[in-house]
Amino acid sequence: MRPRPVLALVFAPVVALGLAACGSDGSPAEPATSAGTEASAGTADCDAAELPTLTEGTLTVGASEPFEPWYVGDPSTGEGFESALVYEVADRLGYAPEDIEWTSVTFEQIVSPAIKPFDVAAYQTTITDERAEAVDFSSPYLTSRQGVIVADDGDFADATGLADLTGAKVGVTASQTSLDAAEQAWGEDVEVVPFNGAGDGMTALTSGTVDAMVMDVDQGVAASTVYFPDTAVIGTLPDPGEPEQLGLVLDKDSELTACVSAAVEELEADGTLEELRTTWLASDDIEQLS
C-alpha cells in the first residue's frame, strides 16, 4: 500500500460513535446487483487530472467525526478502515495523499437528495434501493452484520441467544439498519428504543436505561473495548436475507461513480480490501445469535 503521512492521533469523544449505518463480518463483499451501483471496466481511463471533481485536481471526501475502527484520530491520518480505504481508492484514481481534502458531514447530508459538499463520502453507509433513489453508491467494499452489546453487570449479561433477551429494552440508532434488524430479529419480544446516535445508546446502556444496544458489529467491538470497557458484544443478529453491504456515496448520477466503483473492485481483486479488513476490523470470532 502506498505510504501516507501520519498526523498526531486523537481519540474521538463518546458522541462520535454517532451515526454508523452498519458493519462487517470481514468477508469479501460480493458485487451489488441493485441499489444504484454501477458496473465498471477498470480505472485505466480514470485520470485524476480530468475527473470532474468539486475542485480541480482535488478529491473532496466526506466523513464522520472520527471513531474506531473506521477512523483512528483525524480522517487524514490514513489510520482506520475507511480512512485507509479512501487513500487506496484515491491512489487507484491517480490522486496523491496531498490531493485529498476531508470535510465533516452528517449522515443526513450523505443520504439526502441535496447537493453534496463532497465528491465521495466514506461513512459506513448501507446500500439500499430507497437510498439509491437519492444518491449513487460505489461497488460494495464490506458486508455487514449487526452486533448486540450488553453491560457486564446488567440483567442480560449472561444472554447467549435471542430468546434470552425477551423482555429487554434494546437500543438502536434511529432511521438506520439497526432498527430494522432488531425489529426483524425479536418482533414484539423486546422493546426497541431509538437513539439519535450509537454513542447516546451506549451511554444509556451503561446507565441501565436500556438493557442492550444493536449496532454495526465492528463498531460495537471498538465501543466495548475503547469507549465503554464495561460492556461486551455477545453476538450478531441473524442475516435478514439479502446481505447488507456498505458502499462509498456519491451525488446522484455522478460522473465519478464508475471510476470509484472500478477502484473498489480492483482493491477487492488484488487483495487490498482483505488486507484492510484484517488490519482494522476484529469481529471474525463473534458468532451469530440463534
C-alpha atoms as a PDB file:
ATOM      1  CA  MET A   1       0.000   0.000   0.000  1.00  0.00           C
ATOM      2  CA  ARG A   2       1.172   3.500  -0.733  1.00  0.00           C
ATOM      3  CA  PRO A   3       2.827   5.175   2.294  1.00  0.00           C
ATOM      4  CA  ARG A   4       0.998   8.172   3.705  1.00  0.00           C
ATOM      5  CA  PRO A   5       1.844  10.877   6.237  1.00  0.00           C
ATOM      6  CA  VAL A   6       0.514  10.147   9.711  1.00  0.00           C
ATOM      7  CA  LEU A   7      -0.652  13.026  11.876  1.00  0.00           C
ATOM      8  CA  ALA A   8      -0.922  13.038  15.662  1.00  0.00           C
ATOM      9  CA  LEU A   9      -3.748  10.704  16.693  1.00  0.00           C
ATOM     10  CA  VAL A  10      -6.593  11.821  18.918  1.00  0.00           C
ATOM     11  CA  PHE A  11      -9.338   9.674  20.395  1.00  0.00           C
ATOM     12  CA  ALA A  12     -12.871  10.544  19.410  1.00  0.00           C
ATOM     13  CA  PRO A  13     -15.364  11.712  22.040  1.00  0.00           C
ATOM     14  CA  VAL A  14     -18.132   9.342  23.031  1.00  0.00           C
ATOM     15  CA  VAL A  15     -20.665  11.179  20.885  1.00  0.00           C
ATOM     16  CA  ALA A  16     -18.575  10.397  17.828  1.00  0.00           C
ATOM     17  CA  LEU A  17     -19.914   6.855  17.873  1.00  0.00           C
ATOM     18  CA  GLY A  18     -22.764   8.724  16.212  1.00  0.00           C
ATOM     19  CA  LEU A  19     -24.464   7.549  13.106  1.00  0.00           C
ATOM     20  CA  ALA A  20     -22.759   4.489  11.687  1.00  0.00           C
ATOM     21  CA  ALA A  21     -25.099   2.569   9.484  1.00  0.00           C
ATOM     22  CA  CYS A  22     -23.813  -0.984   9.668  1.00  0.00           C
ATOM     23  CA  GLY A  23     -20.791  -3.293   9.987  1.00  0.00           C
ATOM     24  CA  SER A  24     -18.812  -6.215   8.643  1.00  0.00           C
ATOM     25  CA  ASP A  25     -18.135  -9.874   9.093  1.00  0.00           C
ATOM     26  CA  GLY A  26     -14.736  -9.430   7.486  1.00  0.00           C
ATOM     27  CA  SER A  27     -15.720 -11.445   4.429  1.00  0.00           C
ATOM     28  CA  PRO A  28     -15.316 -10.215   0.874  1.00  0.00           C
ATOM     29  CA  ALA A  29     -18.156  -8.054  -0.393  1.00  0.00           C
ATOM     30  CA  GLU A  30     -19.899  -9.560  -3.393  1.00  0.00           C
ATOM     31  CA  PRO A  31     -20.701  -7.034  -6.131  1.00  0.00           C
ATOM     32  CA  ALA A  32     -24.107  -5.497  -5.608  1.00  0.00           C
ATOM     33  CA  THR A  33     -26.738  -6.118  -8.237  1.00  0.00           C
ATOM     34  CA  SER A  34     -29.078  -3.241  -7.411  1.00  0.00           C
ATOM     35  CA  ALA A  35     -29.434  -0.067  -5.399  1.00  0.00           C
ATOM     36  CA  GLY A  36     -27.619   2.240  -7.783  1.00  0.00           C
ATOM     37  CA  THR A  37     -24.212   0.619  -8.010  1.00  0.00           C
ATOM     38  CA  GLU A  38     -22.587   0.831 -11.416  1.00  0.00           C
ATOM     39  CA  ALA A  39     -20.586  -1.807 -13.230  1.00  0.00           C
ATOM     40  CA  SER A  40     -17.113  -0.635 -14.253  1.00  0.00           C
ATOM     41  CA  ALA A  41     -14.423  -1.572 -16.721  1.00  0.00           C
ATOM     42  CA  GLY A  42     -11.400  -0.595 -14.635  1.00  0.00           C
ATOM     43  CA  THR A  43      -9.535   2.568 -13.710  1.00  0.00           C
ATOM     44  CA  ALA A  44      -7.282   2.743 -16.783  1.00  0.00           C
ATOM     45  CA  ASP A  45      -9.400   5.541 -18.240  1.00  0.00           C
ATOM     46  CA  CYS A  46      -9.814   7.378 -14.909  1.00  0.00           C
ATOM     47  CA  ASP A  47      -7.339  10.249 -14.824  1.00  0.00           C
ATOM     48  CA  ALA A  48      -7.380  12.458 -11.721  1.00  0.00           C
ATOM     49  CA  ALA A  49      -6.465  15.458 -13.834  1.00  0.00           C
ATOM     50  CA  GLU A  50      -9.607  15.030 -15.899  1.00  0.00           C
ATOM     51  CA  LEU A  51     -12.174  13.846 -13.351  1.00  0.00           C
ATOM     52  CA  PRO A  52     -14.946  16.438 -12.758  1.00  0.00           C
ATOM     53  CA  THR A  53     -14.456  16.955  -9.025  1.00  0.00           C
ATOM     54  CA  LEU A  54     -15.712  19.916  -6.967  1.00  0.00           C
ATOM     55  CA  THR A  55     -12.192  21.343  -7.007  1.00  0.00           C
ATOM     56  CA  GLU A  56      -9.987  20.583  -9.991  1.00  0.00           C
ATOM     57  CA  GLY A  57      -7.245  18.133  -9.110  1.00  0.00           C
ATOM     58  CA  THR A  58      -8.630  17.538  -5.613  1.00  0.00           C
ATOM     59  CA  LEU A  59     -10.799  14.728  -4.291  1.00  0.00           C
ATOM     60  CA  THR A  60     -13.082  16.059  -1.546  1.00  0.00           C
ATOM     61  CA  VAL A  61     -14.121  13.287   0.840  1.00  0.00           C
ATOM     62  CA  GLY A  62     -16.992  13.440   3.316  1.00  0.00           C
ATOM     63  CA  ALA A  63     -16.513  11.648   6.631  1.00  0.00           C
ATOM     64  CA  SER A  64     -17.992  11.463  10.095  1.00  0.00           C
ATOM     65  CA  GLU A  65     -16.355  12.604  13.282  1.00  0.00           C
ATOM     66  CA  PRO A  66     -13.555  10.075  13.889  1.00  0.00           C
ATOM     67  CA  PHE A  67     -14.313   6.902  15.799  1.00  0.00           C
ATOM     68  CA  GLU A  68     -12.778   3.468  15.663  1.00  0.00           C
ATOM     69  CA  PRO A  69     -12.458   1.218  13.753  1.00  0.00           C
ATOM     70  CA  TRP A  70     -13.411   3.439  10.812  1.00  0.00           C
ATOM     71  CA  TYR A  71     -11.214   6.424  11.667  1.00  0.00           C
ATOM     72  CA  VAL A  72      -8.450   6.445  14.257  1.00  0.00           C
ATOM     73  CA  GLY A  73      -7.822  10.086  15.005  1.00  0.00           C
ATOM     74  CA  ASP A  74      -8.252  12.627  12.244  1.00  0.00           C
ATOM     75  CA  PRO A  75      -9.529  11.084   8.966  1.00  0.00           C
ATOM     76  CA  SER A  76      -6.455  12.384   7.140  1.00  0.00           C
ATOM     77  CA  THR A  77      -4.108  10.070   9.066  1.00  0.00           C
ATOM     78  CA  GLY A  78      -4.841   7.035   6.907  1.00  0.00           C
ATOM     79  CA  GLU A  79      -5.456   5.160  10.164  1.00  0.00           C
ATOM     80  CA  GLY A  80      -8.714   3.201  10.456  1.00  0.00           C
ATOM     81  CA  PHE A  81     -10.539   1.080   7.901  1.00  0.00           C
ATOM     82  CA  GLU A  82     -12.355   3.792   5.945  1.00  0.00           C
ATOM     83  CA  SER A  83      -9.536   6.316   6.106  1.00  0.00           C
ATOM     84  CA  ALA A  84      -7.147   3.730   4.679  1.00  0.00           C
ATOM     85  CA  LEU A  85      -9.763   2.700   2.105  1.00  0.00           C
ATOM     86  CA  VAL A  86     -10.162   6.263   0.831  1.00  0.00           C
ATOM     87  CA  TYR A  87      -6.426   6.677   0.313  1.00  0.00           C
ATOM     88  CA  GLU A  88      -6.268   3.387  -1.578  1.00  0.00           C
ATOM     89  CA  VAL A  89      -9.213   4.352  -3.816  1.00  0.00           C
ATOM     90  CA  ALA A  90      -7.677   7.766  -4.443  1.00  0.00           C
ATOM     91  CA  ASP A  91      -4.341   6.168  -5.315  1.00  0.00           C
ATOM     92  CA  ARG A  92      -6.015   3.962  -7.940  1.00  0.00           C
ATOM     93  CA  LEU A  93      -7.533   7.106  -9.472  1.00  0.00           C
ATOM     94  CA  GLY A  94      -4.220   8.945  -9.578  1.00  0.00           C
ATOM     95  CA  TYR A  95      -4.576  11.240  -6.560  1.00  0.00           C
ATOM     96  CA  ALA A  96      -1.616  11.790  -4.261  1.00  0.00           C
ATOM     97  CA  PRO A  97      -2.349  11.907  -0.495  1.00  0.00           C
ATOM     98  CA  GLU A  98      -1.993  15.695  -0.516  1.00  0.00           C
ATOM     99  CA  ASP A  99      -4.708  15.895  -3.208  1.00  0.00           C
ATOM    100  CA  ILE A 100      -7.372  14.656  -0.774  1.00  0.00           C
ATOM    101  CA  GLU A 101      -9.412  17.191   1.155  1.00  0.00           C
ATOM    102  CA  TRP A 102     -11.529  15.926   4.033  1.00  0.00           C
ATOM    103  CA  THR A 103     -14.800  17.506   5.131  1.00  0.00           C
ATOM    104  CA  SER A 104     -17.006  16.610   8.096  1.00  0.00           C
ATOM    105  CA  VAL A 105     -20.583  15.725   7.169  1.00  0.00           C
ATOM    106  CA  THR A 106     -23.644  14.266   8.851  1.00  0.00           C
ATOM    107  CA  PHE A 107     -25.334  11.029   7.889  1.00  0.00           C
ATOM    108  CA  GLU A 108     -28.401  13.018   6.809  1.00  0.00           C
ATOM    109  CA  GLN A 109     -26.281  15.046   4.377  1.00  0.00           C
ATOM    110  CA  ILE A 110     -24.958  11.859   2.849  1.00  0.00           C
ATOM    111  CA  VAL A 111     -28.244  10.068   2.159  1.00  0.00           C
ATOM    112  CA  SER A 112     -30.422  13.099   1.344  1.00  0.00           C
ATOM    113  CA  PRO A 113     -31.075  14.226  -2.261  1.00  0.00           C
ATOM    114  CA  ALA A 114     -29.466  17.617  -1.574  1.00  0.00           C
ATOM    115  CA  ILE A 115     -26.351  18.747  -3.471  1.00  0.00           C
ATOM    116  CA  LYS A 116     -23.308  17.213  -1.810  1.00  0.00           C
ATOM    117  CA  PRO A 117     -20.385  19.159  -0.310  1.00  0.00           C
ATOM    118  CA  PHE A 118     -18.109  16.260  -1.282  1.00  0.00           C
ATOM    119  CA  ASP A 119     -17.117  14.185  -4.290  1.00  0.00           C
ATOM    120  CA  VAL A 120     -17.336  10.908  -2.388  1.00  0.00           C
ATOM    121  CA  ALA A 121     -18.221  10.006   1.207  1.00  0.00           C
ATOM    122  CA  ALA A 122     -16.975   7.149   3.387  1.00  0.00           C
ATOM    123  CA  TYR A 123     -19.472   6.893   6.252  1.00  0.00           C
ATOM    124  CA  GLN A 124     -20.428   3.227   6.764  1.00  0.00           C
ATOM    125  CA  THR A 125     -23.487   3.643   4.558  1.00  0.00           C
ATOM    126  CA  THR A 126     -25.604   0.601   3.730  1.00  0.00           C
ATOM    127  CA  ILE A 127     -26.599   0.259   0.088  1.00  0.00           C
ATOM    128  CA  THR A 128     -30.394   0.230  -0.212  1.00  0.00           C
ATOM    129  CA  ASP A 129     -32.799   0.743  -3.094  1.00  0.00           C
ATOM    130  CA  GLU A 130     -34.500   3.591  -1.239  1.00  0.00           C
ATOM    131  CA  ARG A 131     -31.246   5.488  -0.685  1.00  0.00           C
ATOM    132  CA  ALA A 132     -30.194   4.830  -4.272  1.00  0.00           C
ATOM    133  CA  GLU A 133     -33.094   6.965  -5.414  1.00  0.00           C
ATOM    134  CA  ALA A 134     -31.293   9.969  -3.916  1.00  0.00           C
ATOM    135  CA  VAL A 135     -27.579   9.095  -4.227  1.00  0.00           C
ATOM    136  CA  ASP A 136     -25.123   6.903  -6.114  1.00  0.00           C
ATOM    137  CA  PHE A 137     -23.230   4.069  -4.450  1.00  0.00           C
ATOM    138  CA  SER A 138     -19.912   2.582  -5.430  1.00  0.00           C
ATOM    139  CA  SER A 139     -19.469  -1.141  -5.678  1.00  0.00           C
ATOM    140  CA  PRO A 140     -19.634  -2.560  -2.128  1.00  0.00           C
ATOM    141  CA  TYR A 141     -16.497  -2.694  -0.021  1.00  0.00           C
ATOM    142  CA  LEU A 142     -17.842  -4.531   3.028  1.00  0.00           C
ATOM    143  CA  THR A 143     -20.603  -6.945   4.012  1.00  0.00           C
ATOM    144  CA  SER A 144     -22.246  -6.001   7.280  1.00  0.00           C
ATOM    145  CA  ARG A 145     -23.553  -7.644  10.439  1.00  0.00           C
ATOM    146  CA  GLN A 146     -25.367  -6.127  13.394  1.00  0.00           C
ATOM    147  CA  GLY A 147     -23.852  -6.795  16.819  1.00  0.00           C
ATOM    148  CA  VAL A 148     -25.627  -6.999  20.183  1.00  0.00           C
ATOM    149  CA  ILE A 149     -23.893  -5.335  23.140  1.00  0.00           C
ATOM    150  CA  VAL A 150     -24.783  -5.743  26.823  1.00  0.00           C
ATOM    151  CA  ALA A 151     -23.378  -4.309  30.043  1.00  0.00           C
ATOM    152  CA  ASP A 152     -21.068  -6.586  32.029  1.00  0.00           C
ATOM    153  CA  ASP A 153     -23.097  -6.009  35.204  1.00  0.00           C
ATOM    154  CA  GLY A 154     -26.533  -5.796  33.554  1.00  0.00           C
ATOM    155  CA  ASP A 155     -29.531  -8.110  33.896  1.00  0.00           C
ATOM    156  CA  PHE A 156     -28.771  -9.661  30.500  1.00  0.00           C
ATOM    157  CA  ALA A 157     -25.014 -10.107  30.873  1.00  0.00           C
ATOM    158  CA  ASP A 158     -25.356 -13.907  30.592  1.00  0.00           C
ATOM    159  CA  ALA A 159     -27.516 -13.848  27.448  1.00  0.00           C
ATOM    160  CA  THR A 160     -26.326 -16.245  24.764  1.00  0.00           C
ATOM    161  CA  GLY A 161     -29.299 -16.299  22.405  1.00  0.00           C
ATOM    162  CA  LEU A 162     -32.074 -14.103  21.087  1.00  0.00           C
ATOM    163  CA  ALA A 163     -34.677 -15.628  23.416  1.00  0.00           C
ATOM    164  CA  ASP A 164     -32.537 -14.738  26.428  1.00  0.00           C
ATOM    165  CA  LEU A 165     -33.218 -11.064  25.693  1.00  0.00           C
ATOM    166  CA  THR A 166     -37.018 -11.433  25.750  1.00  0.00           C
ATOM    167  CA  GLY A 167     -38.469  -8.504  27.663  1.00  0.00           C
ATOM    168  CA  ALA A 168     -35.333  -6.386  27.306  1.00  0.00           C
ATOM    169  CA  LYS A 169     -35.146  -2.767  26.235  1.00  0.00           C
ATOM    170  CA  VAL A 170     -32.923  -2.762  23.155  1.00  0.00           C
ATOM    171  CA  GLY A 171     -31.350   0.452  21.907  1.00  0.00           C
ATOM    172  CA  VAL A 172     -30.844   1.133  18.191  1.00  0.00           C
ATOM    173  CA  THR A 173     -29.890   4.115  16.077  1.00  0.00           C
ATOM    174  CA  ALA A 174     -32.982   5.730  14.580  1.00  0.00           C
ATOM    175  CA  SER A 175     -33.563   5.641  10.815  1.00  0.00           C
ATOM    176  CA  GLN A 176     -30.742   3.174  10.251  1.00  0.00           C
ATOM    177  CA  THR A 177     -30.340  -0.519   9.596  1.00  0.00           C
ATOM    178  CA  SER A 178     -30.005  -1.495  13.251  1.00  0.00           C
ATOM    179  CA  LEU A 179     -33.645  -0.508  13.800  1.00  0.00           C
ATOM    180  CA  ASP A 180     -34.978  -2.811  11.084  1.00  0.00           C
ATOM    181  CA  ALA A 181     -32.611  -5.619  12.081  1.00  0.00           C
ATOM    182  CA  ALA A 182     -33.706  -5.533  15.725  1.00  0.00           C
ATOM    183  CA  GLU A 183     -37.398  -5.480  14.850  1.00  0.00           C
ATOM    184  CA  GLN A 184     -36.948  -8.410  12.473  1.00  0.00           C
ATOM    185  CA  ALA A 185     -34.930 -10.434  14.995  1.00  0.00           C
ATOM    186  CA  TRP A 186     -37.229 -10.032  18.007  1.00  0.00           C
ATOM    187  CA  GLY A 187     -40.555  -8.716  16.771  1.00  0.00           C
ATOM    188  CA  GLU A 188     -42.558  -7.720  19.836  1.00  0.00           C
ATOM    189  CA  ASP A 189     -40.450  -9.775  22.262  1.00  0.00           C
ATOM    190  CA  VAL A 190     -38.333  -6.727  23.106  1.00  0.00           C
ATOM    191  CA  GLU A 191     -38.923  -3.006  23.427  1.00  0.00           C
ATOM    192  CA  VAL A 192     -36.908  -1.217  20.759  1.00  0.00           C
ATOM    193  CA  VAL A 193     -35.651   2.192  21.901  1.00  0.00           C
ATOM    194  CA  PRO A 194     -34.317   4.502  19.143  1.00  0.00           C
ATOM    195  CA  PHE A 195     -31.434   6.912  19.772  1.00  0.00           C
ATOM    196  CA  ASN A 196     -30.054   9.700  17.603  1.00  0.00           C
ATOM    197  CA  GLY A 197     -26.609   8.135  17.712  1.00  0.00           C
ATOM    198  CA  ALA A 198     -24.880   4.978  18.867  1.00  0.00           C
ATOM    199  CA  GLY A 199     -22.938   6.934  21.490  1.00  0.00           C
ATOM    200  CA  ASP A 200     -26.201   8.051  23.095  1.00  0.00           C
ATOM    201  CA  GLY A 201     -27.396   4.453  23.115  1.00  0.00           C
ATOM    202  CA  MET A 202     -24.178   3.165  24.671  1.00  0.00           C
ATOM    203  CA  THR A 203     -24.379   5.798  27.392  1.00  0.00           C
ATOM    204  CA  ALA A 204     -27.947   4.651  28.078  1.00  0.00           C
ATOM    205  CA  LEU A 205     -26.729   1.043  28.212  1.00  0.00           C
ATOM    206  CA  THR A 206     -24.063   1.768  30.800  1.00  0.00           C
ATOM    207  CA  SER A 207     -26.524   3.758  32.921  1.00  0.00           C
ATOM    208  CA  GLY A 208     -29.118   0.968  32.836  1.00  0.00           C
ATOM    209  CA  THR A 209     -31.684   2.897  30.786  1.00  0.00           C
ATOM    210  CA  VAL A 210     -31.602   0.137  28.160  1.00  0.00           C
ATOM    211  CA  ASP A 211     -30.529  -3.486  28.503  1.00  0.00           C
ATOM    212  CA  ALA A 212     -28.764  -3.975  25.173  1.00  0.00           C
ATOM    213  CA  MET A 213     -27.590  -1.995  22.165  1.00  0.00           C
ATOM    214  CA  VAL A 214     -27.586  -3.040  18.498  1.00  0.00           C
ATOM    215  CA  MET A 215     -25.056  -1.540  16.083  1.00  0.00           C
ATOM    216  CA  ASP A 216     -22.513  -2.482  13.464  1.00  0.00           C
ATOM    217  CA  VAL A 217     -20.528  -5.322  14.998  1.00  0.00           C
ATOM    218  CA  ASP A 218     -17.094  -3.825  14.250  1.00  0.00           C
ATOM    219  CA  GLN A 219     -18.163  -0.501  15.694  1.00  0.00           C
ATOM    220  CA  GLY A 220     -19.553  -2.442  18.653  1.00  0.00           C
ATOM    221  CA  VAL A 221     -16.223  -4.154  19.239  1.00  0.00           C
ATOM    222  CA  ALA A 222     -14.488  -0.771  19.305  1.00  0.00           C
ATOM    223  CA  ALA A 223     -17.197   0.695  21.547  1.00  0.00           C
ATOM    224  CA  SER A 224     -16.885  -2.128  24.074  1.00  0.00           C
ATOM    225  CA  THR A 225     -13.087  -2.109  24.165  1.00  0.00           C
ATOM    226  CA  VAL A 226     -12.132   1.539  23.665  1.00  0.00           C
ATOM    227  CA  TYR A 227     -15.033   3.741  24.724  1.00  0.00           C
ATOM    228  CA  PHE A 228     -17.214   1.629  27.062  1.00  0.00           C
ATOM    229  CA  PRO A 229     -14.958  -1.092  28.528  1.00  0.00           C
ATOM    230  CA  ASP A 230     -17.646  -2.392  30.918  1.00  0.00           C
ATOM    231  CA  THR A 231     -19.699  -3.752  28.022  1.00  0.00           C
ATOM    232  CA  ALA A 232     -19.321  -6.712  25.661  1.00  0.00           C
ATOM    233  CA  VAL A 233     -20.523  -7.841  22.249  1.00  0.00           C
ATOM    234  CA  ILE A 234     -22.356 -11.146  22.815  1.00  0.00           C
ATOM    235  CA  GLY A 235     -23.117 -11.985  19.194  1.00  0.00           C
ATOM    236  CA  THR A 236     -24.656 -10.800  15.957  1.00  0.00           C
ATOM    237  CA  LEU A 237     -28.232 -10.777  14.726  1.00  0.00           C
ATOM    238  CA  PRO A 238     -29.316 -13.334  12.127  1.00  0.00           C
ATOM    239  CA  ASP A 239     -28.872 -12.481   8.473  1.00  0.00           C
ATOM    240  CA  PRO A 240     -32.088 -10.687   7.447  1.00  0.00           C
ATOM    241  CA  GLY A 241     -31.992 -12.287   3.988  1.00  0.00           C
ATOM    242  CA  GLU A 242     -30.228 -10.101   1.454  1.00  0.00           C
ATOM    243  CA  PRO A 243     -26.773  -9.262   2.831  1.00  0.00           C
ATOM    244  CA  GLU A 244     -26.250  -5.677   3.932  1.00  0.00           C
ATOM    245  CA  GLN A 245     -23.361  -4.083   2.089  1.00  0.00           C
ATOM    246  CA  LEU A 246     -21.522  -0.813   2.522  1.00  0.00           C
ATOM    247  CA  GLY A 247     -20.679   1.478  -0.362  1.00  0.00           C
ATOM    248  CA  LEU A 248     -18.991   4.805  -0.872  1.00  0.00           C
ATOM    249  CA  VAL A 249     -21.582   7.519  -1.558  1.00  0.00           C
ATOM    250  CA  LEU A 250     -21.614   9.990  -4.426  1.00  0.00           C
ATOM    251  CA  ASP A 251     -24.077  12.561  -5.721  1.00  0.00           C
ATOM    252  CA  LYS A 252     -26.881  11.119  -7.806  1.00  0.00           C
ATOM    253  CA  ASP A 253     -25.715  10.391 -11.369  1.00  0.00           C
ATOM    254  CA  SER A 254     -22.196  11.492 -10.531  1.00  0.00           C
ATOM    255  CA  GLU A 255     -19.681  11.228 -13.352  1.00  0.00           C
ATOM    256  CA  LEU A 256     -17.251   9.798 -10.787  1.00  0.00           C
ATOM    257  CA  THR A 257     -19.308   6.758  -9.803  1.00  0.00           C
ATOM    258  CA  ALA A 258     -17.953   4.361 -12.424  1.00  0.00           C
ATOM    259  CA  CYS A 259     -14.335   5.261 -11.642  1.00  0.00           C
ATOM    260  CA  VAL A 260     -14.793   4.977  -7.879  1.00  0.00           C
ATOM    261  CA  SER A 261     -16.524   1.618  -8.330  1.00  0.00           C
ATOM    262  CA  ALA A 262     -13.694   0.441 -10.565  1.00  0.00           C
ATOM    263  CA  ALA A 263     -11.158   1.369  -7.894  1.00  0.00           C
ATOM    264  CA  VAL A 264     -13.075  -0.537  -5.206  1.00  0.00           C
ATOM    265  CA  GLU A 265     -13.363  -3.593  -7.449  1.00  0.00           C
ATOM    266  CA  GLU A 266      -9.620  -3.535  -8.143  1.00  0.00           C
ATOM    267  CA  LEU A 267      -8.885  -3.324  -4.422  1.00  0.00           C
ATOM    268  CA  GLU A 268     -11.061  -6.387  -3.870  1.00  0.00           C
ATOM    269  CA  ALA A 269      -9.489  -8.295  -6.729  1.00  0.00           C
ATOM    270  CA  ASP A 270      -5.869  -7.674  -5.722  1.00  0.00           C
ATOM    271  CA  GLY A 271      -6.413  -8.492  -2.036  1.00  0.00           C
ATOM    272  CA  THR A 272      -6.006  -4.970  -0.686  1.00  0.00           C
ATOM    273  CA  LEU A 273      -9.506  -4.855   0.786  1.00  0.00           C
ATOM    274  CA  GLU A 274      -8.931  -8.149   2.588  1.00  0.00           C
ATOM    275  CA  GLU A 275      -5.692  -6.728   3.979  1.00  0.00           C
ATOM    276  CA  LEU A 276      -7.533  -3.649   5.239  1.00  0.00           C
ATOM    277  CA  ARG A 277     -10.217  -5.816   6.856  1.00  0.00           C
ATOM    278  CA  THR A 278      -7.583  -7.924   8.592  1.00  0.00           C
ATOM    279  CA  THR A 279      -5.727  -4.842   9.810  1.00  0.00           C
ATOM    280  CA  TRP A 280      -8.631  -2.766  11.109  1.00  0.00           C
ATOM    281  CA  LEU A 281     -11.623  -4.999  11.810  1.00  0.00           C
ATOM    282  CA  ALA A 282     -11.889  -7.518  14.651  1.00  0.00           C
ATOM    283  CA  SER A 283     -15.229  -9.309  14.517  1.00  0.00           C
ATOM    284  CA  ASP A 284     -14.412 -12.611  12.812  1.00  0.00           C
ATOM    285  CA  ASP A 285     -14.772 -14.656  16.016  1.00  0.00           C
ATOM    286  CA  ILE A 286     -18.148 -13.188  17.012  1.00  0.00           C
ATOM    287  CA  GLU A 287     -20.853 -15.742  16.336  1.00  0.00           C
ATOM    288  CA  GLN A 288     -24.453 -15.260  15.290  1.00  0.00           C
ATOM    289  CA  LEU A 289     -27.115 -15.456  17.980  1.00  0.00           C
ATOM    290  CA  SER A 290     -29.821 -18.051  17.488  1.00  0.00           C
END
